[in-house]
Protein backbone atom coordinates (compact mmCIF):
# COMPACT_ATOMS: atom_id res chain seq x y z
CA UNK A 1 0.00 0.00 0.00
CA UNK A 2 1.34 3.41 -0.99
CA UNK A 3 0.71 5.54 2.10
CA UNK A 4 2.08 2.80 4.36
CA UNK A 5 5.46 3.10 2.63
CA UNK A 6 6.13 5.97 5.07
CA UNK A 7 6.32 3.42 7.89
CA UNK A 8 9.55 2.12 6.37
CA UNK A 9 11.26 5.38 7.36
CA UNK A 10 11.30 7.56 10.45
CA UNK A 11 7.84 9.05 10.75
CA UNK A 12 7.39 10.91 14.03
CA UNK A 13 5.16 13.94 13.69
CA UNK A 14 7.89 16.48 14.46
CA UNK A 15 9.88 15.22 11.48
CA UNK A 16 7.11 16.29 9.13
CA UNK A 17 6.96 19.74 10.75
CA UNK A 18 10.71 20.13 10.27
CA UNK A 19 10.41 18.70 6.77
CA UNK A 20 7.78 21.22 5.67
CA UNK A 21 9.96 24.08 6.94
CA UNK A 22 12.98 22.75 5.03
CA UNK A 23 10.99 22.24 1.84
CA UNK A 24 9.41 25.71 2.05
CA UNK A 25 12.82 27.31 2.64
CA UNK A 26 14.43 25.44 -0.25
CA UNK A 27 11.57 26.08 -2.67
CA UNK A 28 10.30 29.56 -1.84
CA UNK A 29 13.40 31.21 -0.37
CA UNK A 30 16.54 29.73 -1.92
CA UNK A 31 14.69 28.74 -5.10
CA UNK A 32 13.33 32.24 -5.68
CA UNK A 33 16.68 34.02 -5.20
CA UNK A 34 17.79 33.73 -8.87
CA UNK A 35 14.49 35.22 -10.07
CA UNK A 36 14.49 38.03 -7.50
CA UNK A 37 18.15 38.86 -8.11
CA UNK A 38 17.63 39.02 -11.87
CA UNK A 39 14.56 41.22 -11.46
CA UNK A 40 16.51 43.60 -9.23
CA UNK A 41 19.37 43.86 -11.72
CA UNK A 42 17.01 44.37 -14.67
CA UNK A 43 14.98 46.94 -12.74
CA UNK A 44 17.94 49.18 -11.92
CA UNK A 45 17.28 52.60 -13.43
CA UNK A 46 13.58 51.97 -13.97
CA UNK A 47 12.45 53.13 -10.55
CA UNK A 48 10.29 50.12 -9.69
CA UNK A 49 10.31 46.34 -9.93
CA UNK A 50 7.24 44.52 -11.30
CA UNK A 51 5.55 42.09 -8.92
CA UNK A 52 2.93 40.59 -11.25
CA UNK A 53 3.57 37.78 -13.72
CA UNK A 54 2.88 39.78 -16.94
CA UNK A 55 5.14 42.58 -15.71
CA UNK A 56 8.00 40.26 -14.77
CA UNK A 57 7.64 38.38 -18.05
CA UNK A 58 7.73 41.63 -20.02
CA UNK A 59 10.82 42.85 -18.17
CA UNK A 60 12.86 39.66 -18.45
CA UNK A 61 11.46 38.15 -21.63
CA UNK A 62 9.16 35.16 -21.63
CA UNK A 63 11.77 32.42 -21.86
CA UNK A 64 14.13 33.85 -19.23
CA UNK A 65 11.24 34.46 -16.84
CA UNK A 66 9.91 30.94 -17.43
CA UNK A 67 13.35 29.46 -16.81
CA UNK A 68 13.86 31.35 -13.53
CA UNK A 69 10.31 30.65 -12.33
CA UNK A 70 10.64 26.91 -13.01
CA UNK A 71 14.13 26.83 -11.51
CA UNK A 72 12.61 27.42 -8.07
CA UNK A 73 10.76 24.11 -8.42
CA UNK A 74 14.06 22.33 -9.03
CA UNK A 75 15.17 23.55 -5.60
CA UNK A 76 11.78 22.52 -4.20
CA UNK A 77 12.05 19.01 -5.63
CA UNK A 78 15.60 18.65 -4.34
CA UNK A 79 14.52 19.86 -0.89
CA UNK A 80 11.63 17.38 -0.83
CA UNK A 81 13.77 14.40 -1.81
CA UNK A 82 16.59 15.36 0.58
CA UNK A 83 14.08 15.81 3.40
CA UNK A 84 12.70 12.32 2.81
CA UNK A 85 16.20 10.89 2.74
CA UNK A 86 17.90 12.81 5.56
CA UNK A 87 15.05 13.67 7.94
CA UNK A 88 12.99 10.49 7.51
CA UNK A 89 15.64 8.02 6.36
CA UNK A 90 13.15 7.07 3.65
CA UNK A 91 14.14 5.63 0.30
CA UNK A 92 13.04 7.71 -2.71
CA UNK A 93 11.45 4.61 -4.22
CA UNK A 94 9.16 4.36 -1.16
CA UNK A 95 8.13 8.00 -1.61
CA UNK A 96 7.41 7.27 -5.28
CA UNK A 97 5.57 3.96 -5.40
CA UNK A 98 4.61 0.79 -3.57
CA UNK A 99 6.11 -1.24 -6.42
CA UNK A 100 9.64 -2.62 -6.17
CA UNK A 101 10.76 -0.15 -8.85
CA UNK A 102 9.37 2.87 -10.65
CA UNK A 103 7.06 1.86 -13.49
CA UNK A 104 8.18 4.16 -16.31
CA UNK A 105 5.61 2.62 -18.65
CA UNK A 106 2.87 3.99 -16.39
CA UNK A 107 4.44 7.46 -16.50
CA UNK A 108 4.71 7.30 -20.28
CA UNK A 109 1.18 6.02 -20.81
CA UNK A 110 -0.35 8.75 -18.64
CA UNK A 111 1.81 11.39 -20.31
CA UNK A 112 0.94 10.49 -23.89
CA UNK A 113 -2.73 9.81 -23.15
CA UNK A 114 -3.24 13.24 -21.62
CA UNK A 115 -1.02 14.97 -24.19
CA UNK A 116 -3.19 13.57 -26.99
CA UNK A 117 -6.41 14.54 -25.19
CA UNK A 118 -5.06 18.06 -24.54
CA UNK A 119 -4.02 18.55 -28.16
CA UNK A 120 -7.44 17.41 -29.35
CA UNK A 121 -9.25 19.75 -26.93
CA UNK A 122 -7.14 22.74 -27.96
CA UNK A 123 -7.53 21.88 -31.65
CA UNK A 124 -11.32 21.60 -31.34
CA UNK A 125 -11.54 24.92 -29.52
CA UNK A 126 -9.41 26.67 -32.14
CA UNK A 127 -11.51 25.13 -34.94
CA UNK A 128 -14.80 26.28 -33.41
CA UNK A 129 -13.57 29.66 -32.13
CA UNK A 130 -10.78 30.78 -34.48
CA UNK A 131 -11.46 34.43 -33.66
CA UNK A 132 -10.24 33.79 -30.09
CA UNK A 133 -6.72 32.84 -31.19
CA UNK A 134 -3.82 34.28 -33.11
CA UNK A 135 -0.98 32.24 -34.60
CA UNK A 136 2.01 33.11 -32.42
CA UNK A 137 4.66 30.69 -33.67
CA UNK A 138 8.23 32.00 -33.99
CA UNK A 139 10.82 29.29 -34.55
CA UNK A 140 13.78 30.50 -32.48
CA UNK A 141 11.94 31.49 -29.26
CA UNK A 142 9.76 28.39 -29.57
CA UNK A 143 12.84 26.15 -29.72
CA UNK A 144 14.15 27.82 -26.56
CA UNK A 145 10.75 27.21 -24.99
CA UNK A 146 10.84 23.58 -26.08
CA UNK A 147 14.21 23.02 -24.38
CA UNK A 148 13.35 24.95 -21.19
CA UNK A 149 9.89 23.46 -20.92
CA UNK A 150 10.92 19.95 -21.88
CA UNK A 151 13.50 19.86 -19.07
CA UNK A 152 12.06 22.02 -16.31
CA UNK A 153 8.29 21.60 -16.58
CA UNK A 154 8.53 17.89 -15.63
CA UNK A 155 10.74 19.02 -12.75
CA UNK A 156 8.08 21.55 -11.70
CA UNK A 157 5.25 19.05 -11.84
CA UNK A 158 7.35 16.37 -10.11
CA UNK A 159 8.03 18.82 -7.29
CA UNK A 160 4.31 19.34 -6.81
CA UNK A 161 3.52 15.63 -6.99
CA UNK A 162 6.28 14.50 -4.64
CA UNK A 163 5.26 17.21 -2.16
CA UNK A 164 1.45 16.90 -2.40
CA UNK A 165 0.63 13.32 -3.36
CA UNK A 166 3.88 11.97 -1.92
CA UNK A 167 5.30 13.60 1.19
CA UNK A 168 2.13 15.22 2.53
CA UNK A 169 -0.24 12.41 1.62
CA UNK A 170 1.97 9.83 3.31
CA UNK A 171 2.63 12.03 6.34
CA UNK A 172 -1.02 12.96 6.92
CA UNK A 173 -2.07 9.37 6.24
CA UNK A 174 0.07 7.78 8.92
CA UNK A 175 -0.92 10.55 11.33
CA UNK A 176 -4.70 10.04 10.96
CA UNK A 177 -4.50 6.31 10.06
CA UNK A 178 -6.90 6.54 7.10
CA UNK A 179 -6.88 7.37 3.39
CA UNK A 180 -9.76 9.75 2.84
CA UNK A 181 -8.50 12.62 5.00
CA UNK A 182 -5.07 12.90 3.31
CA UNK A 183 -6.88 12.77 -0.04
CA UNK A 184 -9.17 15.63 0.98
CA UNK A 185 -6.49 17.75 2.65
CA UNK A 186 -3.87 17.44 -0.10
CA UNK A 187 -6.48 18.14 -2.80
CA UNK A 188 -7.66 21.28 -1.01
CA UNK A 189 -4.10 22.46 -0.36
CA UNK A 190 -3.17 21.80 -3.99
CA UNK A 191 -6.09 23.92 -5.13
CA UNK A 192 -5.48 26.71 -2.62
CA UNK A 193 -1.83 26.99 -3.69
CA UNK A 194 -3.18 28.29 -7.01
CA UNK A 195 -5.03 31.18 -5.39
CA UNK A 196 -2.20 33.51 -6.38
CA UNK A 197 -2.48 32.60 -10.07
CA UNK A 198 -3.64 35.44 -12.32
CA UNK A 199 -6.40 33.16 -13.64
CA UNK A 200 -8.16 33.46 -10.28
CA UNK A 201 -8.12 37.25 -10.49
CA UNK A 202 -9.52 37.20 -14.03
CA UNK A 203 -12.07 34.37 -13.73
CA UNK A 204 -13.01 34.58 -10.06
CA UNK A 205 -13.03 31.93 -7.36
CA UNK A 206 -15.15 29.60 -9.49
CA UNK A 207 -11.93 28.49 -11.17
CA UNK A 208 -10.99 26.86 -7.87
CA UNK A 209 -13.43 24.07 -8.77
CA UNK A 210 -10.99 23.14 -11.53
CA UNK A 211 -7.86 23.38 -9.38
CA UNK A 212 -9.30 21.49 -6.41
CA UNK A 213 -11.00 19.00 -8.73
CA UNK A 214 -7.65 18.37 -10.41
CA UNK A 215 -6.14 17.78 -6.96
CA UNK A 216 -8.79 15.16 -6.19
CA UNK A 217 -8.27 13.56 -9.60
CA UNK A 218 -4.50 13.25 -9.05
CA UNK A 219 -5.00 12.02 -5.49
CA UNK A 220 -7.52 9.37 -6.52
CA UNK A 221 -5.25 7.98 -9.22
CA UNK A 222 -2.34 7.92 -6.75
CA UNK A 223 -4.30 5.98 -4.12
CA UNK A 224 -5.96 3.62 -6.59
CA UNK A 225 -2.72 2.87 -8.42
CA UNK A 226 -0.62 2.72 -5.23
CA UNK A 227 2.03 5.10 -6.56
CA UNK A 228 2.85 8.46 -8.10
CA UNK A 229 3.66 7.24 -11.61
CA UNK A 230 0.34 8.08 -13.30
CA UNK A 231 0.11 11.44 -11.54
CA UNK A 232 3.68 12.29 -12.58
CA UNK A 233 2.96 11.50 -16.23
CA UNK A 234 -0.39 13.27 -16.34
CA UNK A 235 0.76 16.43 -14.60
CA UNK A 236 3.86 16.80 -16.80
CA UNK A 237 1.76 16.37 -19.96
CA UNK A 238 -0.84 18.85 -18.76
CA UNK A 239 1.60 21.67 -18.03
CA UNK A 240 3.92 21.01 -20.97
CA UNK A 241 1.17 20.96 -23.60
CA UNK A 242 -0.33 24.09 -22.07
CA UNK A 243 3.00 25.90 -22.25
CA UNK A 244 3.72 24.81 -25.82
CA UNK A 245 0.29 25.18 -27.38
CA UNK A 246 -1.50 28.21 -25.95
CA UNK A 247 -0.72 31.19 -23.75
CA UNK A 248 -2.60 34.34 -22.81
CA UNK A 249 -1.72 37.64 -21.20
CA UNK A 250 -3.64 36.67 -18.04
CA UNK A 251 -2.31 33.16 -17.35
CA UNK A 252 0.41 31.92 -15.01
CA UNK A 253 2.43 30.50 -17.92
CA UNK A 254 3.68 33.34 -20.15
CA UNK A 255 5.36 31.54 -23.05
CA UNK A 256 6.26 31.83 -26.74
CA UNK A 257 3.64 29.21 -27.53
CA UNK A 258 2.22 28.27 -30.92
CA UNK A 259 -1.06 30.13 -30.29
CA UNK A 260 -2.08 33.08 -28.13
CA UNK A 261 -5.56 33.25 -26.68
CA UNK A 262 -6.89 36.79 -27.19
CA UNK A 263 -10.45 36.14 -26.03
CA UNK A 264 -11.99 37.97 -23.09
CA UNK A 265 -11.46 35.73 -20.05
CA UNK A 266 -14.69 34.37 -18.63
CA UNK A 267 -15.70 31.44 -16.45
CA UNK A 268 -17.59 28.92 -18.57
CA UNK A 269 -18.42 25.25 -18.86
CA UNK A 270 -14.95 24.60 -20.28
CA UNK A 271 -13.69 24.96 -16.69
CA UNK A 272 -16.09 22.34 -15.31
CA UNK A 273 -16.17 19.80 -18.16
CA UNK A 274 -12.69 18.39 -17.35
CA UNK A 275 -13.63 17.84 -13.69
CA UNK A 276 -17.13 16.45 -14.34
CA UNK A 277 -16.61 14.52 -17.58
CA UNK A 278 -13.05 14.14 -18.82
CA UNK A 279 -11.31 13.28 -15.53
CA UNK A 280 -13.80 10.50 -14.66
CA UNK A 281 -13.34 9.11 -18.17
CA UNK A 282 -9.54 9.07 -17.77
CA UNK A 283 -9.88 7.35 -14.38
CA UNK A 284 -12.10 4.73 -16.04
CA UNK A 285 -9.43 4.14 -18.72
CA UNK A 286 -6.74 3.74 -16.06
CA UNK A 287 -8.94 1.43 -14.00
CA UNK A 288 -9.49 -0.90 -16.95
CA UNK A 289 -5.87 -0.89 -18.04
CA UNK A 290 -4.43 -1.48 -14.58
CA UNK A 291 -7.22 -3.58 -13.07
CA UNK A 292 -8.13 -1.29 -10.19
CA UNK A 293 -10.37 -2.92 -7.59
CA UNK A 294 -11.50 -2.26 -4.02
CA UNK A 295 -12.20 1.44 -4.64
CA UNK A 296 -13.80 1.95 -1.24
CA UNK A 297 -10.91 0.38 0.66
CA UNK A 298 -8.21 2.21 -1.29
CA UNK A 299 -9.86 5.62 -1.09
CA UNK A 300 -11.49 5.74 2.34
CA UNK A 301 -10.24 2.65 4.17
CA UNK A 302 -8.01 2.50 7.24
CA UNK A 303 -4.28 2.00 6.98
CA UNK A 304 -2.56 -1.25 7.71
CA UNK A 305 -0.96 -1.26 11.14
CA UNK A 306 2.67 -0.27 11.27
CA UNK A 307 4.01 -3.66 12.34
CA UNK A 308 2.63 -5.31 9.20
CA UNK A 309 4.81 -3.16 6.94
CA UNK A 310 8.17 -4.65 6.14
């Protein structure tokens, strides 16, 4: 069982408190220093330093800003893995999966499945609403984006998965001795971490249904599949295709993508359809491919006792 893998390491409650502090410091303090330092240098002589994403992207250029923003997640991922290893004496494989080794085929299947679905959804939207998009492709900046995104976006999404569905889900799980509460808490926290995104300001708090719903979707697949592999593949595909295909002036990802969305931002059914229709369909596909059973036990059941974990 995935959550019970935490029993193989040191798992006293104070270790998780210390761990969260270390991860926050590595991710949000040390990890943000390169971005802040570059903004300060670039802002010299201008009188003020931008604090919003469009302003920072305009000052630094989209690719440099994207690189520095994603670089902080590399520090966050490193801090998470080092915390598991040094504070909890936990093997990285036990933070990743309940299998004896990482199943890269699962990661690849989830990645390509969601990448194909994402491309189809974007293509359909462009076909039906061509007036909402402009062709934005420029070869040289796009190639830079491809390299930066191809390397660092999987790092960014892995940081979020190892922290949310890995470290926190395992830690909360062994604290409360059940599965449903860590699923709920990590999904809510995952959604609330997006409150600072410019999409929330433009679309309102209704967009939180999508973010929190995505958190539940990723948490369910992690618990049902007893590992992070599917969540790692899905999340990387989601963010990478978004960065490469479409950007807008009001989104968190400012990139030299193939298309730019110039429509007036509004909260519509396109926000809720993934949560209500597409995500359940993807879970059904995964359940058939990987033979998921015992949904009730895996999602809301109690944990095995510590002494039964070897």
